[in-house]
Structures are given as C-alpha cells and as structure tokens.
Amino acid sequence: MKRLAFALAFFALASGVHAQQRLSTLNLTCGQAQQVIRSRGAAVLSTGTYTYDRFVVDRSFCQFDEFLELAWVPTRDTPQCPIGYRCKTQSNWFDD
C-alpha cells in the first residue's frame, strides 16, 4: 500500500512539472523589455528563434572579473532597443 501511495505521489508531482517558457524580446515592446530587466535586475531573454542571452541592469549582477557591455536587442516595436547590459569577460586568446 505504501508503494502504491508513493508511486501515485511521484507521478502526480512529475506530471505537474512543466518547462517554463522564456520571455522573448520579439514579443515585448522596447519599454516592456527594459522594465523586465529593471524590475528583476537580471534576466535571460530570447532574442530570436534560437538565440538568447542574459541581460543585467548594472555591474552588481556580474562576477568580479566581468565588465559591462551595452546590449541592444530587437523588440516588437524597434529593431535596436537598448535593453541594459551583458556581463563580459576579457578574452586574452588573441592578445600578445
């Protein structure tokens, strides 16, 4: 009986878990996309069918060795919306 109860509970929990869809900048206006970043501080947003990135409001959402890069994304009402920033690391691969 305990096994049956455990199995039913397991399947009930497993079937209730659904993947959360990521917000897409293409479905938001520029102002809405900017507000998502301002209100959350940082968010991962889709920027196209197969593309996404993490955007932040300021450097406090980056790691200590990262710097900010201004991020422009396509939105429903503009092809280049200044959404916030991306955290970037300096690459020394091609430096002498």
PDB file of N, CA and C in Angstrom:
ATOM      1  N   MET A   1       0.814  -1.190   0.000  1.00  0.00           N
ATOM      2  CA  MET A   1       0.000   0.000   0.000  1.00  0.00           C
ATOM      3  C   MET A   1       0.863   1.262   0.000  1.00  0.00           C
ATOM      4  N   LYS A   2       1.965   1.228   0.791  1.00  0.00           N
ATOM      5  CA  LYS A   2       2.863   2.383   0.833  1.00  0.00           C
ATOM      6  C   LYS A   2       3.512   2.607  -0.529  1.00  0.00           C
ATOM      7  N   ARG A   3       3.837   1.503  -1.199  1.00  0.00           N
ATOM      8  CA  ARG A   3       4.449   1.640  -2.535  1.00  0.00           C
ATOM      9  C   ARG A   3       3.479   2.292  -3.509  1.00  0.00           C
ATOM     10  N   LEU A   4       2.241   1.900  -3.436  1.00  0.00           N
ATOM     11  CA  LEU A   4       1.234   2.468  -4.326  1.00  0.00           C
ATOM     12  C   LEU A   4       1.061   3.959  -4.045  1.00  0.00           C
ATOM     13  N   ALA A   5       0.994   4.331  -2.776  1.00  0.00           N
ATOM     14  CA  ALA A   5       0.861   5.743  -2.415  1.00  0.00           C
ATOM     15  C   ALA A   5       2.078   6.536  -2.881  1.00  0.00           C
ATOM     16  N   PHE A   6       3.268   5.970  -2.704  1.00  0.00           N
ATOM     17  CA  PHE A   6       4.498   6.639  -3.148  1.00  0.00           C
ATOM     18  C   PHE A   6       4.501   6.813  -4.663  1.00  0.00           C
ATOM     19  N   ALA A   7       4.114   5.751  -5.382  1.00  0.00           N
ATOM     20  CA  ALA A   7       4.096   5.813  -6.844  1.00  0.00           C
ATOM     21  C   ALA A   7       3.099   6.862  -7.329  1.00  0.00           C
ATOM     22  N   LEU A   8       1.921   6.905  -6.720  1.00  0.00           N
ATOM     23  CA  LEU A   8       0.926   7.902  -7.125  1.00  0.00           C
ATOM     24  C   LEU A   8       1.415   9.318  -6.838  1.00  0.00           C
ATOM     25  N   ALA A   9       2.036   9.517  -5.683  1.00  0.00           N
ATOM     26  CA  ALA A   9       2.575  10.837  -5.353  1.00  0.00           C
ATOM     27  C   ALA A   9       3.674  11.234  -6.326  1.00  0.00           C
ATOM     28  N   PHE A  10       4.547  10.299  -6.673  1.00  0.00           N
ATOM     29  CA  PHE A  10       5.638  10.572  -7.608  1.00  0.00           C
ATOM     30  C   PHE A  10       5.101  10.989  -8.969  1.00  0.00           C
ATOM     31  N   PHE A  11       4.132  10.241  -9.494  1.00  0.00           N
ATOM     32  CA  PHE A  11       3.589  10.566 -10.808  1.00  0.00           C
ATOM     33  C   PHE A  11       2.789  11.867 -10.795  1.00  0.00           C
ATOM     34  N   ALA A  12       2.141  12.150  -9.683  1.00  0.00           N
ATOM     35  CA  ALA A  12       1.410  13.414  -9.570  1.00  0.00           C
ATOM     36  C   ALA A  12       2.375  14.593  -9.617  1.00  0.00           C
ATOM     37  N   LEU A  13       3.497  14.485  -8.906  1.00  0.00           N
ATOM     38  CA  LEU A  13       4.490  15.554  -8.916  1.00  0.00           C
ATOM     39  C   LEU A  13       5.174  15.655 -10.266  1.00  0.00           C
ATOM     40  N   ALA A  14       5.527  14.513 -10.848  1.00  0.00           N
ATOM     41  CA  ALA A  14       6.235  14.511 -12.129  1.00  0.00           C
ATOM     42  C   ALA A  14       5.379  15.084 -13.241  1.00  0.00           C
ATOM     43  N   SER A  15       4.088  14.796 -13.231  1.00  0.00           N
ATOM     44  CA  SER A  15       3.229  15.307 -14.296  1.00  0.00           C
ATOM     45  C   SER A  15       2.906  16.788 -14.109  1.00  0.00           C
ATOM     46  N   GLY A  16       3.099  17.318 -12.899  1.00  0.00           N
ATOM     47  CA  GLY A  16       2.815  18.716 -12.633  1.00  0.00           C
ATOM     48  C   GLY A  16       3.950  19.649 -12.976  1.00  0.00           C
ATOM     49  N   VAL A  17       5.104  19.096 -13.285  1.00  0.00           N
ATOM     50  CA  VAL A  17       6.262  19.913 -13.603  1.00  0.00           C
ATOM     51  C   VAL A  17       6.248  20.227 -15.102  1.00  0.00           C
ATOM     52  N   HIS A  18       6.222  21.504 -15.413  1.00  0.00           N
ATOM     53  CA  HIS A  18       6.221  21.939 -16.814  1.00  0.00           C
ATOM     54  C   HIS A  18       7.381  22.885 -17.036  1.00  0.00           C
ATOM     55  N   ALA A  19       7.929  22.848 -18.244  1.00  0.00           N
ATOM     56  CA  ALA A  19       9.017  23.765 -18.582  1.00  0.00           C
ATOM     57  C   ALA A  19       8.455  25.179 -18.677  1.00  0.00           C
ATOM     58  N   GLN A  20       9.169  26.110 -18.105  1.00  0.00           N
ATOM     59  CA  GLN A  20       8.759  27.498 -18.164  1.00  0.00           C
ATOM     60  C   GLN A  20       9.284  28.114 -19.453  1.00  0.00           C
ATOM     61  N   GLN A  21       8.417  28.776 -20.189  1.00  0.00           N
ATOM     62  CA  GLN A  21       8.864  29.413 -21.412  1.00  0.00           C
ATOM     63  C   GLN A  21       9.591  30.702 -21.082  1.00  0.00           C
ATOM     64  N   ARG A  22      10.662  30.954 -21.829  1.00  0.00           N
ATOM     65  CA  ARG A  22      11.456  32.162 -21.638  1.00  0.00           C
ATOM     66  C   ARG A  22      10.777  33.316 -22.371  1.00  0.00           C
ATOM     67  N   LEU A  23      10.766  34.496 -21.760  1.00  0.00           N
ATOM     68  CA  LEU A  23      10.240  35.687 -22.421  1.00  0.00           C
ATOM     69  C   LEU A  23      11.064  35.979 -23.668  1.00  0.00           C
ATOM     70  N   SER A  24      10.406  36.439 -24.690  1.00  0.00           N
ATOM     71  CA  SER A  24      11.090  36.804 -25.927  1.00  0.00           C
ATOM     72  C   SER A  24      11.009  38.304 -26.123  1.00  0.00           C
ATOM     73  N   THR A  25      12.144  38.914 -26.444  1.00  0.00           N
ATOM     74  CA  THR A  25      12.146  40.354 -26.718  1.00  0.00           C
ATOM     75  C   THR A  25      11.315  40.679 -27.955  1.00  0.00           C
ATOM     76  N   LEU A  26      11.148  39.705 -28.846  1.00  0.00           N
ATOM     77  CA  LEU A  26      10.377  39.941 -30.064  1.00  0.00           C
ATOM     78  C   LEU A  26       8.887  40.108 -29.781  1.00  0.00           C
ATOM     79  N   ASN A  27       8.434  39.637 -28.614  1.00  0.00           N
ATOM     80  CA  ASN A  27       7.026  39.773 -28.239  1.00  0.00           C
ATOM     81  C   ASN A  27       6.780  40.955 -27.311  1.00  0.00           C
ATOM     82  N   LEU A  28       7.832  41.658 -26.921  1.00  0.00           N
ATOM     83  CA  LEU A  28       7.727  42.785 -25.998  1.00  0.00           C
ATOM     84  C   LEU A  28       8.046  44.090 -26.716  1.00  0.00           C
ATOM     85  N   THR A  29       7.472  45.182 -26.226  1.00  0.00           N
ATOM     86  CA  THR A  29       7.905  46.485 -26.725  1.00  0.00           C
ATOM     87  C   THR A  29       9.256  46.796 -26.076  1.00  0.00           C
ATOM     88  N   CYS A  30       9.930  47.791 -26.578  1.00  0.00           N
ATOM     89  CA  CYS A  30      11.221  48.182 -26.023  1.00  0.00           C
ATOM     90  C   CYS A  30      11.067  48.555 -24.545  1.00  0.00           C
ATOM     91  N   GLY A  31      10.052  49.324 -24.227  1.00  0.00           N
ATOM     92  CA  GLY A  31       9.815  49.731 -22.847  1.00  0.00           C
ATOM     93  C   GLY A  31       9.526  48.549 -21.932  1.00  0.00           C
ATOM     94  N   GLN A  32       8.762  47.568 -22.424  1.00  0.00           N
ATOM     95  CA  GLN A  32       8.461  46.384 -21.622  1.00  0.00           C
ATOM     96  C   GLN A  32       9.726  45.563 -21.360  1.00  0.00           C
ATOM     97  N   ALA A  33      10.550  45.403 -22.386  1.00  0.00           N
ATOM     98  CA  ALA A  33      11.798  44.636 -22.230  1.00  0.00           C
ATOM     99  C   ALA A  33      12.725  45.331 -21.229  1.00  0.00           C
ATOM    100  N   GLN A  34      12.836  46.643 -21.316  1.00  0.00           N
ATOM    101  CA  GLN A  34      13.664  47.395 -20.368  1.00  0.00           C
ATOM    102  C   GLN A  34      13.123  47.259 -18.945  1.00  0.00           C
ATOM    103  N   GLN A  35      11.805  47.263 -18.795  1.00  0.00           N
ATOM    104  CA  GLN A  35      11.189  47.144 -17.475  1.00  0.00           C
ATOM    105  C   GLN A  35      11.439  45.765 -16.861  1.00  0.00           C
ATOM    106  N   VAL A  36      11.466  44.719 -17.678  1.00  0.00           N
ATOM    107  CA  VAL A  36      11.768  43.369 -17.174  1.00  0.00           C
ATOM    108  C   VAL A  36      13.153  43.367 -16.527  1.00  0.00           C
ATOM    109  N   ILE A  37      14.119  43.964 -17.202  1.00  0.00           N
ATOM    110  CA  ILE A  37      15.485  43.990 -16.675  1.00  0.00           C
ATOM    111  C   ILE A  37      15.561  44.880 -15.434  1.00  0.00           C
ATOM    112  N   ARG A  38      14.932  46.038 -15.467  1.00  0.00           N
ATOM    113  CA  ARG A  38      14.954  46.938 -14.299  1.00  0.00           C
ATOM    114  C   ARG A  38      14.293  46.296 -13.080  1.00  0.00           C
ATOM    115  N   SER A  39      13.185  45.603 -13.282  1.00  0.00           N
ATOM    116  CA  SER A  39      12.463  45.037 -12.139  1.00  0.00           C
ATOM    117  C   SER A  39      13.140  43.793 -11.560  1.00  0.00           C
ATOM    118  N   ARG A  40      13.792  42.998 -12.412  1.00  0.00           N
ATOM    119  CA  ARG A  40      14.429  41.761 -11.940  1.00  0.00           C
ATOM    120  C   ARG A  40      15.910  41.938 -11.624  1.00  0.00           C
ATOM    121  N   GLY A  41      16.522  42.947 -12.218  1.00  0.00           N
ATOM    122  CA  GLY A  41      17.960  43.136 -12.044  1.00  0.00           C
ATOM    123  C   GLY A  41      18.763  42.364 -13.066  1.00  0.00           C
ATOM    124  N   ALA A  42      18.340  41.153 -13.358  1.00  0.00           N
ATOM    125  CA  ALA A  42      18.984  40.311 -14.366  1.00  0.00           C
ATOM    126  C   ALA A  42      17.949  39.320 -14.875  1.00  0.00           C
ATOM    127  N   ALA A  43      18.016  38.995 -16.167  1.00  0.00           N
ATOM    128  CA  ALA A  43      17.072  38.036 -16.745  1.00  0.00           C
ATOM    129  C   ALA A  43      17.655  37.441 -18.014  1.00  0.00           C
ATOM    130  N   VAL A  44      17.288  36.210 -18.281  1.00  0.00           N
ATOM    131  CA  VAL A  44      17.624  35.559 -19.540  1.00  0.00           C
ATOM    132  C   VAL A  44      16.409  35.694 -20.444  1.00  0.00           C
ATOM    133  N   LEU A  45      16.611  36.305 -21.607  1.00  0.00           N
ATOM    134  CA  LEU A  45      15.532  36.537 -22.560  1.00  0.00           C
ATOM    135  C   LEU A  45      15.900  35.975 -23.919  1.00  0.00           C
ATOM    136  N   SER A  46      14.909  35.438 -24.619  1.00  0.00           N
ATOM    137  CA  SER A  46      15.113  35.029 -26.010  1.00  0.00           C
ATOM    138  C   SER A  46      15.177  36.275 -26.861  1.00  0.00           C
ATOM    139  N   THR A  47      16.061  36.255 -27.853  1.00  0.00           N
ATOM    140  CA  THR A  47      16.193  37.391 -28.759  1.00  0.00           C
ATOM    141  C   THR A  47      15.884  37.000 -30.198  1.00  0.00           C
ATOM    142  N   GLY A  48      15.537  35.763 -30.404  1.00  0.00           N
ATOM    143  CA  GLY A  48      15.214  35.227 -31.713  1.00  0.00           C
ATOM    144  C   GLY A  48      14.741  33.792 -31.551  1.00  0.00           C
ATOM    145  N   THR A  49      14.538  33.117 -32.655  1.00  0.00           N
ATOM    146  CA  THR A  49      14.032  31.753 -32.607  1.00  0.00           C
ATOM    147  C   THR A  49      14.957  30.826 -31.836  1.00  0.00           C
ATOM    148  N   TYR A  50      16.249  30.908 -32.084  1.00  0.00           N
ATOM    149  CA  TYR A  50      17.211  30.006 -31.447  1.00  0.00           C
ATOM    150  C   TYR A  50      18.274  30.739 -30.634  1.00  0.00           C
ATOM    151  N   THR A  51      18.032  32.009 -30.303  1.00  0.00           N
ATOM    152  CA  THR A  51      19.041  32.787 -29.586  1.00  0.00           C
ATOM    153  C   THR A  51      18.485  33.341 -28.276  1.00  0.00           C
ATOM    154  N   TYR A  52      19.366  33.476 -27.310  1.00  0.00           N
ATOM    155  CA  TYR A  52      19.001  34.050 -26.021  1.00  0.00           C
ATOM    156  C   TYR A  52      20.266  34.586 -25.373  1.00  0.00           C
ATOM    157  N   ASP A  53      20.087  35.422 -24.354  1.00  0.00           N
ATOM    158  CA  ASP A  53      21.231  35.962 -23.625  1.00  0.00           C
ATOM    159  C   ASP A  53      20.759  36.421 -22.256  1.00  0.00           C
ATOM    160  N   ARG A  54      21.721  36.661 -21.397  1.00  0.00           N
ATOM    161  CA  ARG A  54      21.436  37.168 -20.050  1.00  0.00           C
ATOM    162  C   ARG A  54      21.723  38.664 -20.042  1.00  0.00           C
ATOM    163  N   PHE A  55      20.759  39.437 -19.567  1.00  0.00           N
ATOM    164  CA  PHE A  55      20.879  40.883 -19.530  1.00  0.00           C
ATOM    165  C   PHE A  55      20.787  41.353 -18.081  1.00  0.00           C
ATOM    166  N   VAL A  56      21.546  42.395 -17.768  1.00  0.00           N
ATOM    167  CA  VAL A  56      21.598  42.897 -16.397  1.00  0.00           C
ATOM    168  C   VAL A  56      21.372  44.403 -16.379  1.00  0.00           C
ATOM    169  N   VAL A  57      20.997  44.908 -15.194  1.00  0.00           N
ATOM    170  CA  VAL A  57      20.754  46.329 -15.033  1.00  0.00           C
ATOM    171  C   VAL A  57      22.031  47.085 -14.656  1.00  0.00           C
ATOM    172  N   ASP A  58      22.944  46.414 -13.934  1.00  0.00           N
ATOM    173  CA  ASP A  58      24.214  47.043 -13.559  1.00  0.00           C
ATOM    174  C   ASP A  58      25.255  45.978 -13.209  1.00  0.00           C
ATOM    175  N   ARG A  59      26.462  46.427 -12.884  1.00  0.00           N
ATOM    176  CA  ARG A  59      27.586  45.526 -12.659  1.00  0.00           C
ATOM    177  C   ARG A  59      27.427  44.641 -11.431  1.00  0.00           C
ATOM    178  N   SER A  60      26.557  44.995 -10.511  1.00  0.00           N
ATOM    179  CA  SER A  60      26.375  44.186  -9.307  1.00  0.00           C
ATOM    180  C   SER A  60      25.828  42.790  -9.632  1.00  0.00           C
ATOM    181  N   PHE A  61      25.331  42.585 -10.834  1.00  0.00           N
ATOM    182  CA  PHE A  61      24.825  41.283 -11.256  1.00  0.00           C
ATOM    183  C   PHE A  61      25.854  40.490 -12.063  1.00  0.00           C
ATOM    184  N   CYS A  62      27.083  41.005 -12.141  1.00  0.00           N
ATOM    185  CA  CYS A  62      28.170  40.331 -12.846  1.00  0.00           C
ATOM    186  C   CYS A  62      29.158  39.744 -11.836  1.00  0.00           C
ATOM    187  N   GLN A  63      30.007  38.846 -12.324  1.00  0.00           N
ATOM    188  CA  GLN A  63      31.069  38.322 -11.485  1.00  0.00           C
ATOM    189  C   GLN A  63      32.165  39.373 -11.360  1.00  0.00           C
ATOM    190  N   PHE A  64      33.034  39.211 -10.367  1.00  0.00           N
ATOM    191  CA  PHE A  64      34.046  40.232 -10.066  1.00  0.00           C
ATOM    192  C   PHE A  64      34.996  40.498 -11.231  1.00  0.00           C
ATOM    193  N   ASP A  65      35.229  39.501 -12.097  1.00  0.00           N
ATOM    194  CA  ASP A  65      36.181  39.673 -13.202  1.00  0.00           C
ATOM    195  C   ASP A  65      35.490  40.035 -14.518  1.00  0.00           C
ATOM    196  N   GLU A  66      34.227  40.429 -14.477  1.00  0.00           N
ATOM    197  CA  GLU A  66      33.495  40.778 -15.679  1.00  0.00           C
ATOM    198  C   GLU A  66      33.271  42.287 -15.770  1.00  0.00           C
ATOM    199  N   PHE A  67      33.069  42.758 -16.980  1.00  0.00           N
ATOM    200  CA  PHE A  67      32.756  44.161 -17.219  1.00  0.00           C
ATOM    201  C   PHE A  67      31.430  44.248 -17.974  1.00  0.00           C
ATOM    202  N   LEU A  68      30.869  45.444 -18.058  1.00  0.00           N
ATOM    203  CA  LEU A  68      29.582  45.640 -18.726  1.00  0.00           C
ATOM    204  C   LEU A  68      29.763  45.992 -20.190  1.00  0.00           C
ATOM    205  N   GLU A  69      28.867  45.460 -21.000  1.00  0.00           N
ATOM    206  CA  GLU A  69      28.790  45.802 -22.414  1.00  0.00           C
ATOM    207  C   GLU A  69      27.347  46.176 -22.705  1.00  0.00           C
ATOM    208  N   LEU A  70      27.108  47.344 -23.278  1.00  0.00           N
ATOM    209  CA  LEU A  70      25.752  47.778 -23.605  1.00  0.00           C
ATOM    210  C   LEU A  70      25.111  46.765 -24.548  1.00  0.00           C
ATOM    211  N   ALA A  71      23.871  46.413 -24.280  1.00  0.00           N
ATOM    212  CA  ALA A  71      23.164  45.408 -25.074  1.00  0.00           C
ATOM    213  C   ALA A  71      21.997  46.037 -25.827  1.00  0.00           C
ATOM    214  N   TRP A  72      21.928  45.750 -27.103  1.00  0.00           N
ATOM    215  CA  TRP A  72      20.852  46.192 -27.975  1.00  0.00           C
ATOM    216  C   TRP A  72      20.167  44.942 -28.508  1.00  0.00           C
ATOM    217  N   VAL A  73      18.830  44.900 -28.436  1.00  0.00           N
ATOM    218  CA  VAL A  73      18.086  43.724 -28.884  1.00  0.00           C
ATOM    219  C   VAL A  73      16.918  44.144 -29.767  1.00  0.00           C
ATOM    220  N   PRO A  74      16.463  43.239 -30.635  1.00  0.00           N
ATOM    221  CA  PRO A  74      15.253  43.527 -31.401  1.00  0.00           C
ATOM    222  C   PRO A  74      14.021  43.339 -30.516  1.00  0.00           C
ATOM    223  N   THR A  75      13.075  44.256 -30.613  1.00  0.00           N
ATOM    224  CA  THR A  75      11.816  44.130 -29.887  1.00  0.00           C
ATOM    225  C   THR A  75      10.664  44.280 -30.874  1.00  0.00           C
ATOM    226  N   ARG A  76       9.455  44.150 -30.372  1.00  0.00           N
ATOM    227  CA  ARG A  76       8.273  44.219 -31.234  1.00  0.00           C
ATOM    228  C   ARG A  76       8.159  45.561 -31.953  1.00  0.00           C
ATOM    229  N   ASP A  77       8.614  46.646 -31.310  1.00  0.00           N
ATOM    230  CA  ASP A  77       8.423  47.973 -31.895  1.00  0.00           C
ATOM    231  C   ASP A  77       9.689  48.648 -32.407  1.00  0.00           C
ATOM    232  N   THR A  78      10.846  48.018 -32.220  1.00  0.00           N
ATOM    233  CA  THR A  78      12.090  48.628 -32.713  1.00  0.00           C
ATOM    234  C   THR A  78      13.138  47.544 -32.986  1.00  0.00           C
ATOM    235  N   PRO A  79      13.937  47.725 -34.034  1.00  0.00           N
ATOM    236  CA  PRO A  79      14.958  46.710 -34.331  1.00  0.00           C
ATOM    237  C   PRO A  79      16.168  46.760 -33.396  1.00  0.00           C
ATOM    238  N   GLN A  80      16.388  47.886 -32.704  1.00  0.00           N
ATOM    239  CA  GLN A  80      17.532  48.002 -31.793  1.00  0.00           C
ATOM    240  C   GLN A  80      17.120  48.756 -30.541  1.00  0.00           C
ATOM    241  N   CYS A  81      16.793  47.984 -29.509  1.00  0.00           N
ATOM    242  CA  CYS A  81      16.371  48.562 -28.237  1.00  0.00           C
ATOM    243  C   CYS A  81      17.510  48.443 -27.225  1.00  0.00           C
ATOM    244  N   PRO A  82      17.910  49.545 -26.569  1.00  0.00           N
ATOM    245  CA  PRO A  82      18.957  49.469 -25.544  1.00  0.00           C
ATOM    246  C   PRO A  82      18.371  48.874 -24.253  1.00  0.00           C
ATOM    247  N   ILE A  83      18.451  47.562 -24.124  1.00  0.00           N
ATOM    248  CA  ILE A  83      17.755  46.843 -23.059  1.00  0.00           C
ATOM    249  C   ILE A  83      18.461  46.925 -21.710  1.00  0.00           C
ATOM    250  N   GLY A  84      19.758  47.084 -21.725  1.00  0.00           N
ATOM    251  CA  GLY A  84      20.561  47.083 -20.495  1.00  0.00           C
ATOM    252  C   GLY A  84      21.982  46.684 -20.855  1.00  0.00           C
ATOM    253  N   TYR A  85      22.528  45.743 -20.111  1.00  0.00           N
ATOM    254  CA  TYR A  85      23.923  45.337 -20.316  1.00  0.00           C
ATOM    255  C   TYR A  85      24.073  43.820 -20.329  1.00  0.00           C
ATOM    256  N   ARG A  86      25.202  43.377 -20.877  1.00  0.00           N
ATOM    257  CA  ARG A  86      25.653  41.995 -20.773  1.00  0.00           C
ATOM    258  C   ARG A  86      26.925  41.998 -19.928  1.00  0.00           C
ATOM    259  N   CYS A  87      27.110  40.957 -19.142  1.00  0.00           N
ATOM    260  CA  CYS A  87      28.365  40.775 -18.405  1.00  0.00           C
ATOM    261  C   CYS A  87      29.337  40.068 -19.342  1.00  0.00           C
ATOM    262  N   LYS A  88      30.517  40.622 -19.500  1.00  0.00           N
ATOM    263  CA  LYS A  88      31.518  40.060 -20.400  1.00  0.00           C
ATOM    264  C   LYS A  88      32.831  39.856 -19.669  1.00  0.00           C
ATOM    265  N   THR A  89      33.561  38.827 -20.069  1.00  0.00           N
ATOM    266  CA  THR A  89      34.908  38.616 -19.541  1.00  0.00           C
ATOM    267  C   THR A  89      35.899  39.010 -20.623  1.00  0.00           C
ATOM    268  N   GLN A  90      37.041  39.493 -20.197  1.00  0.00           N
ATOM    269  CA  GLN A  90      38.075  39.870 -21.157  1.00  0.00           C
ATOM    270  C   GLN A  90      38.773  38.618 -21.644  1.00  0.00           C
ATOM    271  N   SER A  91      38.817  38.456 -22.936  1.00  0.00           N
ATOM    272  CA  SER A  91      39.487  37.300 -23.514  1.00  0.00           C
ATOM    273  C   SER A  91      40.919  37.666 -23.892  1.00  0.00           C
ATOM    274  N   ASN A  92      41.848  36.845 -23.480  1.00  0.00           N
ATOM    275  CA  ASN A  92      43.247  37.071 -23.815  1.00  0.00           C
ATOM    276  C   ASN A  92      43.745  36.100 -24.886  1.00  0.00           C
ATOM    277  N   TRP A  93      42.838  35.479 -25.584  1.00  0.00           N
ATOM    278  CA  TRP A  93      43.205  34.479 -26.587  1.00  0.00           C
ATOM    279  C   TRP A  93      44.047  35.061 -27.709  1.00  0.00           C
ATOM    280  N   PHE A  94      43.734  36.264 -28.158  1.00  0.00           N
ATOM    281  CA  PHE A  94      44.437  36.820 -29.318  1.00  0.00           C
ATOM    282  C   PHE A  94      45.333  37.988 -28.966  1.00  0.00           C
ATOM    283  N   ASP A  95      45.495  38.265 -27.656  1.00  0.00           N
ATOM    284  CA  ASP A  95      46.382  39.342 -27.239  1.00  0.00           C
ATOM    285  C   ASP A  95      47.818  38.857 -27.203  1.00  0.00           C
ATOM    286  N   ASP A  96      48.754  39.750 -27.470  1.00  0.00           N
ATOM    287  CA  ASP A  96      50.177  39.380 -27.417  1.00  0.00           C
ATOM    288  C   ASP A  96      50.742  39.538 -26.029  1.00  0.00           C
TER     289      ASP A  96
END
